[in-house]
Amino acid sequence: MLRWTITFVVIAIIAAVLGFGGIAGASAGIAKILFFIFIVLFILSLIKGGFKR
C-alpha cells in the first residue's frame, strides 16, 4: 500500500510541474488518504503483534 502512495505522490509532483493543477491536487489527495490508511494498518499490526506474545 505504501508503494501506491509513493506512486500517487510522484504523479502529483509531475502533474504539478507540468501545470495540471487539478490532476496534481487529486493525486495528492489520494496519496494522503492511502498514507493514513497505511499508518492505521501498521499501528493495528503492531498492536496485534504485541498481544500475540
Protein backbone atom coordinates (compact mmCIF):
# COMPACT_ATOMS: atom_id res chain seq x y z
CA MET A 1 0.00 0.00 0.00
CA LEU A 2 2.91 2.31 0.65
CA ARG A 3 4.02 1.72 -2.94
CA TRP A 4 0.69 3.11 -4.20
CA THR A 5 1.13 6.17 -2.00
CA ILE A 6 4.57 6.85 -3.42
CA THR A 7 3.22 6.34 -6.96
CA PHE A 8 0.46 8.91 -6.46
CA VAL A 9 2.89 11.40 -4.90
CA VAL A 10 5.18 11.08 -7.93
CA ILE A 11 2.20 11.54 -10.27
CA ALA A 12 1.15 14.64 -8.30
CA ILE A 13 4.65 16.13 -8.49
CA ILE A 14 4.95 15.51 -12.23
CA ALA A 15 1.47 16.90 -12.89
CA ALA A 16 2.22 19.99 -10.79
CA VAL A 17 5.47 20.63 -12.67
CA LEU A 18 3.64 20.34 -15.99
CA GLY A 19 0.89 22.70 -14.83
CA PHE A 20 -2.00 20.28 -14.39
CA GLY A 21 -3.34 21.59 -11.08
CA GLY A 22 -6.50 19.50 -10.93
CA ILE A 23 -4.75 16.22 -11.53
CA ALA A 24 -1.97 17.16 -9.11
CA GLY A 25 -4.48 18.00 -6.37
CA ALA A 26 -6.45 14.83 -6.90
CA SER A 27 -3.33 12.65 -6.88
CA ALA A 28 -2.05 14.35 -3.74
CA GLY A 29 -5.41 13.78 -2.05
CA ILE A 30 -5.42 10.11 -2.96
CA ALA A 31 -1.83 9.76 -1.75
CA LYS A 32 -2.75 11.38 1.58
CA ILE A 33 -5.70 9.04 2.11
CA LEU A 34 -3.64 5.96 1.24
CA PHE A 35 -0.86 7.10 3.54
CA PHE A 36 -3.21 7.43 6.51
CA ILE A 37 -4.78 4.04 5.78
CA PHE A 38 -1.26 2.57 5.69
CA ILE A 39 -0.41 4.18 9.05
CA VAL A 40 -3.60 2.85 10.68
CA LEU A 41 -2.98 -0.67 9.37
CA PHE A 42 0.65 -0.51 10.52
CA ILE A 43 -0.37 0.53 14.04
CA LEU A 44 -3.02 -2.19 14.18
CA SER A 45 -0.49 -4.81 13.13
CA LEU A 46 1.92 -3.59 15.82
CA ILE A 47 -0.80 -3.86 18.45
CA LYS A 48 -1.85 -7.30 17.22
CA GLY A 49 1.78 -8.48 17.28
CA GLY A 50 2.19 -7.17 20.82
CA PHE A 51 -0.80 -9.12 22.09
CA LYS A 52 0.33 -12.26 20.30
CA ARG A 53 3.37 -12.60 22.54
